[in-house]
């Protein structure tokens, strides 16, 4: 495949006895720049999100990233993957196995780690329409002296807030800079942008207004991820409710029943055996049973407290005798 980048065998010897260790933030900037060059070489449209790509207005004081996040035009995902794999990048997790949202593939290389996104969780318009809207208002940001394509500042604000909304309260600075410190006009523009992407539920999860969307099919899933607590059963319950149509629900069932090859391989550090798969599956069922028991206990305790409140209210309620 095309491209003028020298092969990675000549680029990664940075930790041997003759070379100092490259600081992580420098390495990440180089990987951002590298990914832009690779994308240009194969003709793939990409947008850099998070990390070194964030606008200074939103990045002040933000903790550094551990990997590089790239959003790819959906039609160009296979093109970019083929180019990366030819250059020695290895799959760690696939799209369907990587998260409840099926949005990103994780790839590794001695250069670093890349999260390759085919969509952004929270955008309910089609991935193609979402990318096209972001691409139409893209900007350029120099990273390691390479002009990298990034979303506009308003889009970055929304993207970071949606990420915060599914991060269990982590990265609270993104909420602070993206929403709490924003003036009225900026918030209005952000809400209007969320309407364009049909991201109102996810934005509500980030800004603390999720209860207004209790009737939404995705409510339970975003409730689970926005809290950052609860068992896996609650996650799967949320995934089931959020799945629309027989095809999506079938994928949820499949994901629940089948052990994740990529994660098991990473945990073991080798190719799993049949016995490994059996053990992993039994462990999954055990955890699911524990989660169900905890959930039933909580529901029972909650129902008991509700009955006690009702009984107490009945006992103290005025009889109405003597009222005019």
Protein backbone atom coordinates (compact mmCIF):
# COMPACT_ATOMS: atom_id res chain seq x y z
CA UNK A 1 0.00 0.00 0.00
CA UNK A 2 0.97 3.60 -0.48
CA UNK A 3 2.72 6.06 1.77
CA UNK A 4 6.17 7.50 2.26
CA UNK A 5 6.53 6.62 5.92
CA UNK A 6 9.60 4.55 6.62
CA UNK A 7 8.81 1.13 7.98
CA UNK A 8 8.17 0.90 11.71
CA UNK A 9 11.12 -1.41 12.36
CA UNK A 10 13.27 1.72 12.05
CA UNK A 11 11.05 3.93 14.21
CA UNK A 12 10.52 2.10 17.47
CA UNK A 13 13.94 1.59 19.03
CA UNK A 14 13.57 4.28 21.64
CA UNK A 15 14.02 2.30 24.85
CA UNK A 16 17.28 0.45 24.28
CA UNK A 17 20.58 1.16 25.98
CA UNK A 18 21.61 3.77 23.41
CA UNK A 19 18.38 5.79 23.38
CA UNK A 20 16.55 7.65 26.16
CA UNK A 21 12.95 6.76 26.91
CA UNK A 22 10.54 8.96 25.00
CA UNK A 23 8.11 10.76 27.38
CA UNK A 24 4.58 9.43 27.02
CA UNK A 25 3.03 12.76 25.96
CA UNK A 26 5.65 13.14 23.23
CA UNK A 27 5.07 9.59 22.03
CA UNK A 28 1.31 10.19 21.88
CA UNK A 29 1.78 13.36 19.86
CA UNK A 30 4.01 11.47 17.45
CA UNK A 31 1.39 8.73 17.08
CA UNK A 32 -1.27 11.35 16.31
CA UNK A 33 0.97 12.80 13.61
CA UNK A 34 1.86 9.34 12.36
CA UNK A 35 -1.81 8.38 12.06
CA UNK A 36 -2.54 11.48 10.00
CA UNK A 37 0.27 10.62 7.59
CA UNK A 38 -0.91 7.00 7.34
CA UNK A 39 -4.50 8.13 6.68
CA UNK A 40 -3.36 10.58 4.01
CA UNK A 41 -1.26 7.87 2.42
CA UNK A 42 -4.21 5.51 1.95
CA UNK A 43 -6.87 8.17 1.36
CA UNK A 44 -8.84 7.67 4.58
CA UNK A 45 -10.68 10.58 6.23
CA UNK A 46 -10.02 10.75 9.97
CA UNK A 47 -10.68 13.14 12.83
CA UNK A 48 -8.43 13.24 15.88
CA UNK A 49 -10.39 13.36 19.13
CA UNK A 50 -9.28 13.75 22.75
CA UNK A 51 -5.67 13.85 23.90
CA UNK A 52 -3.29 16.14 22.03
CA UNK A 53 -6.04 17.02 19.56
CA UNK A 54 -8.22 18.86 22.09
CA UNK A 55 -8.68 22.60 21.68
CA UNK A 56 -6.69 24.60 24.30
CA UNK A 57 -9.92 26.04 25.69
CA UNK A 58 -10.97 22.53 26.73
CA UNK A 59 -7.62 20.94 27.54
CA UNK A 60 -6.28 23.22 30.29
CA UNK A 61 -5.39 21.05 33.27
CA UNK A 62 -6.70 17.88 31.62
CA UNK A 63 -4.92 14.65 32.55
CA UNK A 64 -2.97 13.07 29.70
CA UNK A 65 -4.34 10.20 27.62
CA UNK A 66 -3.00 6.67 27.52
CA UNK A 67 -3.68 6.12 23.82
CA UNK A 68 -4.62 7.95 20.64
CA UNK A 69 -8.29 8.23 19.63
CA UNK A 70 -9.17 8.46 15.94
CA UNK A 71 -12.67 8.75 14.47
CA UNK A 72 -12.77 7.33 10.93
CA UNK A 73 -15.26 7.89 8.15
CA UNK A 74 -17.24 4.62 8.34
CA UNK A 75 -16.71 3.79 4.68
CA UNK A 76 -12.94 4.18 5.16
CA UNK A 77 -12.52 1.94 8.23
CA UNK A 78 -11.43 -1.15 6.26
CA UNK A 79 -9.08 0.95 4.14
CA UNK A 80 -7.29 2.39 7.17
CA UNK A 81 -7.22 -0.94 9.02
CA UNK A 82 -5.57 -2.67 6.07
CA UNK A 83 -2.93 0.07 5.89
CA UNK A 84 -2.24 -0.13 9.64
CA UNK A 85 -2.03 -3.92 9.65
CA UNK A 86 0.45 -3.84 6.79
CA UNK A 87 2.59 -1.55 8.95
CA UNK A 88 2.57 -4.00 11.85
CA UNK A 89 -0.38 -2.90 13.98
CA UNK A 90 -2.09 -5.74 15.86
CA UNK A 91 -5.71 -5.98 16.93
CA UNK A 92 -6.29 -6.07 20.71
CA UNK A 93 -10.09 -5.88 20.77
CA UNK A 94 -12.63 -5.72 17.95
CA UNK A 95 -15.53 -3.34 17.51
CA UNK A 96 -18.26 -5.58 18.88
CA UNK A 97 -16.16 -6.89 21.76
CA UNK A 98 -14.59 -3.60 22.79
CA UNK A 99 -17.55 -2.02 24.58
CA UNK A 100 -21.31 -2.04 25.07
CA UNK A 101 -21.56 0.53 22.29
CA UNK A 102 -19.57 -1.45 19.72
CA UNK A 103 -17.87 1.76 18.67
CA UNK A 104 -14.10 1.24 18.67
CA UNK A 105 -11.33 -1.21 17.87
CA UNK A 106 -8.13 -1.12 19.86
CA UNK A 107 -4.81 -1.73 18.09
CA UNK A 108 -1.30 -1.96 19.46
CA UNK A 109 2.20 -1.44 18.10
CA UNK A 110 5.59 -0.71 19.68
CA UNK A 111 4.82 2.91 18.82
CA UNK A 112 1.78 2.94 21.08
CA UNK A 113 -1.95 2.21 21.25
CA UNK A 114 -4.72 3.51 18.99
CA UNK A 115 -8.47 3.42 19.54
CA UNK A 116 -10.03 3.38 16.09
CA UNK A 117 -13.61 4.66 16.30
CA UNK A 118 -16.22 3.92 13.64
CA UNK A 119 -18.84 5.94 15.55
CA UNK A 120 -19.12 8.02 18.70
CA UNK A 121 -21.34 6.73 21.54
CA UNK A 122 -24.25 9.07 22.16
CA UNK A 123 -24.75 10.14 18.54
CA UNK A 124 -28.01 8.51 17.48
CA UNK A 125 -27.89 9.71 13.87
CA UNK A 126 -26.23 7.22 11.55
CA UNK A 127 -22.43 6.98 11.86
CA UNK A 128 -22.15 8.14 8.23
CA UNK A 129 -24.28 11.24 8.82
CA UNK A 130 -22.50 12.02 12.09
CA UNK A 131 -19.06 11.86 10.51
CA UNK A 132 -20.13 13.91 7.50
CA UNK A 133 -21.51 16.65 9.77
CA UNK A 134 -18.28 16.70 11.80
CA UNK A 135 -16.14 16.61 8.67
CA UNK A 136 -18.00 19.53 7.08
CA UNK A 137 -16.91 21.79 9.96
CA UNK A 138 -13.48 20.26 10.60
CA UNK A 139 -10.45 22.30 11.52
CA UNK A 140 -6.72 21.66 11.47
CA UNK A 141 -4.52 21.45 14.51
CA UNK A 142 -0.75 21.02 14.31
CA UNK A 143 0.46 18.04 16.33
CA UNK A 144 4.19 17.25 16.18
CA UNK A 145 4.42 19.64 13.20
CA UNK A 146 1.81 17.72 11.21
CA UNK A 147 -1.52 19.35 10.27
CA UNK A 148 -4.10 16.98 11.79
CA UNK A 149 -7.84 17.16 11.10
CA UNK A 150 -9.95 17.71 14.22
CA UNK A 151 -13.62 18.48 14.92
CA UNK A 152 -14.68 22.10 15.44
CA UNK A 153 -14.53 23.54 18.97
CA UNK A 154 -18.31 23.18 19.56
CA UNK A 155 -18.19 19.57 18.33
CA UNK A 156 -15.19 18.83 20.56
CA UNK A 157 -17.10 20.22 23.52
CA UNK A 158 -20.01 17.87 22.79
CA UNK A 159 -17.76 14.87 22.12
CA UNK A 160 -15.94 15.29 25.45
CA UNK A 161 -19.21 15.72 27.36
CA UNK A 162 -20.68 12.58 25.83
CA UNK A 163 -17.50 10.73 26.80
CA UNK A 164 -17.81 12.06 30.34
CA UNK A 165 -21.44 10.92 30.42
CA UNK A 166 -20.40 7.26 30.06
CA UNK A 167 -17.29 7.44 32.24
CA UNK A 168 -18.79 7.06 35.69
CA UNK A 169 -17.80 10.53 36.88
CA UNK A 170 -14.19 10.29 35.75
CA UNK A 171 -12.70 13.21 33.84
CA UNK A 172 -14.88 15.67 35.79
CA UNK A 173 -12.78 18.48 34.33
CA UNK A 174 -14.46 17.85 30.97
CA UNK A 175 -17.84 18.60 32.58
CA UNK A 176 -16.42 21.64 34.33
CA UNK A 177 -14.83 23.19 31.23
CA UNK A 178 -17.36 21.93 28.72
CA UNK A 179 -20.58 22.76 30.55
CA UNK A 180 -20.31 24.27 34.02
CA UNK A 181 -18.00 27.11 32.95
CA UNK A 182 -19.82 27.73 29.65
CA UNK A 183 -21.97 30.84 29.32
CA UNK A 184 -25.64 30.74 28.36
CA UNK A 185 -25.05 31.23 24.65
CA UNK A 186 -22.48 28.44 24.53
CA UNK A 187 -24.83 26.08 26.34
CA UNK A 188 -27.69 26.92 23.97
CA UNK A 189 -25.45 26.25 20.97
CA UNK A 190 -24.34 22.96 22.55
CA UNK A 191 -27.92 21.83 23.12
CA UNK A 192 -28.78 22.76 19.51
CA UNK A 193 -25.78 20.72 18.33
CA UNK A 194 -26.89 17.75 20.40
CA UNK A 195 -30.29 17.96 18.67
CA UNK A 196 -28.55 17.74 15.27
CA UNK A 197 -26.78 14.55 16.33
CA UNK A 198 -29.75 13.21 18.34
CA UNK A 199 -27.45 13.14 21.34
CA UNK A 200 -29.88 14.60 23.90
CA UNK A 201 -29.99 11.46 26.07
CA UNK A 202 -26.20 11.21 26.29
CA UNK A 203 -25.82 14.93 26.97
CA UNK A 204 -28.40 14.63 29.75
CA UNK A 205 -26.34 11.79 31.25
CA UNK A 206 -23.34 14.13 31.32
CA UNK A 207 -25.12 17.17 32.74
CA UNK A 208 -27.18 15.42 35.40
CA UNK A 209 -30.58 15.57 33.67
CA UNK A 210 -30.90 11.89 32.79
CA UNK A 211 -34.11 11.34 34.77
CA UNK A 212 -35.95 13.41 32.17
CA UNK A 213 -35.36 10.50 29.73
CA UNK A 214 -36.63 7.57 31.82
CA UNK A 215 -38.90 6.44 28.98
CA UNK A 216 -36.05 6.35 26.46
CA UNK A 217 -34.89 2.83 25.50
CA UNK A 218 -31.28 3.86 26.15
CA UNK A 219 -31.97 5.24 29.62
CA UNK A 220 -30.86 2.20 31.62
CA UNK A 221 -27.61 1.81 29.67
CA UNK A 222 -26.60 5.45 30.14
CA UNK A 223 -27.75 5.34 33.75
CA UNK A 224 -25.41 2.42 34.37
CA UNK A 225 -22.39 4.02 32.69
CA UNK A 226 -22.94 7.53 34.06
CA UNK A 227 -22.96 6.24 37.65
CA UNK A 228 -19.90 4.03 37.29
CA UNK A 229 -21.36 1.57 39.80
CA UNK A 230 -23.51 -1.53 39.59
CA UNK A 231 -22.98 -5.05 38.33
CA UNK A 232 -22.58 -6.46 34.87
CA UNK A 233 -26.16 -7.70 34.92
CA UNK A 234 -27.33 -4.08 35.03
CA UNK A 235 -25.11 -3.31 32.06
CA UNK A 236 -26.56 -6.21 30.07
CA UNK A 237 -30.07 -5.23 31.07
CA UNK A 238 -29.33 -1.74 29.77
CA UNK A 239 -27.85 -3.13 26.56
CA UNK A 240 -30.93 -5.27 26.00
CA UNK A 241 -33.30 -2.34 26.50
CA UNK A 242 -31.25 -0.08 24.24
CA UNK A 243 -31.13 -2.64 21.41
CA UNK A 244 -33.71 -1.81 18.75
CA UNK A 245 -35.14 -4.63 16.66
CA UNK A 246 -34.57 -8.38 16.56
CA UNK A 247 -31.14 -8.10 14.93
CA UNK A 248 -29.68 -5.82 17.60
CA UNK A 249 -31.17 -7.87 20.42
CA UNK A 250 -29.72 -11.03 18.89
CA UNK A 251 -26.28 -9.40 18.92
CA UNK A 252 -26.71 -8.60 22.62
CA UNK A 253 -27.57 -12.24 23.36
CA UNK A 254 -24.59 -13.43 21.34
CA UNK A 255 -22.23 -11.04 23.13
CA UNK A 256 -23.55 -12.23 26.49
CA UNK A 257 -23.19 -15.92 25.72
CA UNK A 258 -19.88 -15.94 23.85
CA UNK A 259 -16.57 -15.41 25.63
CA UNK A 260 -14.58 -12.48 24.25
CA UNK A 261 -11.64 -14.01 22.34
CA UNK A 262 -9.60 -10.82 22.32
CA UNK A 263 -9.89 -10.11 26.05
CA UNK A 264 -9.26 -13.73 27.05
CA UNK A 265 -6.17 -13.87 24.84
CA UNK A 266 -4.89 -10.62 26.37
CA UNK A 267 -5.51 -11.88 29.91
CA UNK A 268 -3.71 -15.19 29.30
CA UNK A 269 -0.91 -13.85 27.12
CA UNK A 270 -1.34 -16.80 24.78
CA UNK A 271 -3.87 -18.55 22.57
CA UNK A 272 -6.74 -19.84 24.75
CA UNK A 273 -7.38 -23.57 24.98
CA UNK A 274 -10.81 -25.21 25.01
CA UNK A 275 -10.49 -25.53 28.78
CA UNK A 276 -9.75 -21.80 29.04
CA UNK A 277 -12.98 -21.02 27.19
CA UNK A 278 -14.99 -23.34 29.43
CA UNK A 279 -13.51 -21.80 32.59
CA UNK A 280 -14.14 -18.27 31.30
CA UNK A 281 -17.73 -19.09 30.43
CA UNK A 282 -18.42 -20.65 33.85
CA UNK A 283 -16.84 -17.62 35.51
CA UNK A 284 -19.10 -15.34 33.48
CA UNK A 285 -22.18 -17.29 34.58
CA UNK A 286 -21.04 -17.15 38.20
CA UNK A 287 -20.62 -13.38 38.09
CA UNK A 288 -23.98 -13.01 36.35
CA UNK A 289 -25.63 -15.05 39.11
CA UNK A 290 -23.99 -12.91 41.79
CA UNK A 291 -25.17 -9.74 40.04
CA UNK A 292 -28.74 -11.03 39.78
CA UNK A 293 -28.80 -11.91 43.49
CA UNK A 294 -27.47 -8.47 44.45
CA UNK A 295 -30.03 -6.79 42.19
CA UNK A 296 -32.92 -8.84 43.65
CA UNK A 297 -31.74 -7.99 47.17
CA UNK A 298 -31.63 -4.26 46.37
CA UNK A 299 -35.06 -4.36 44.76
CA UNK A 300 -36.48 -6.21 47.77
CA UNK A 301 -34.91 -3.76 50.23
CA UNK A 302 -36.24 -0.84 48.21
CA UNK A 303 -39.75 -2.31 48.12
CA UNK A 304 -39.61 -2.88 51.89
CA UNK A 305 -38.62 0.71 52.57
CA UNK A 306 -41.39 1.93 50.27
CA UNK A 307 -43.97 -0.17 52.16
CA UNK A 308 -42.70 1.21 55.45
CA UNK A 309 -43.09 4.77 54.18
CA UNK A 310 -46.62 4.05 52.96
CA UNK A 311 -47.56 2.41 56.27
CA UNK A 312 -46.13 5.31 58.23
CA UNK A 313 -48.06 7.74 56.06
CA UNK A 314 -51.28 5.80 56.59
CA UNK A 315 -50.82 5.81 60.36
CA UNK A 316 -50.25 9.56 60.60
CA UNK A 317 -52.75 10.63 57.97
CA UNK A 318 -55.61 12.73 59.46
CA UNK A 319 -58.93 10.93 59.60
CA UNK A 320 -60.80 13.91 58.23
CA UNK A 321 -63.33 13.94 61.12
CA UNK A 322 -64.37 17.43 62.17
CA UNK A 323 -63.22 19.05 58.93
CA UNK A 324 -65.57 21.49 57.31
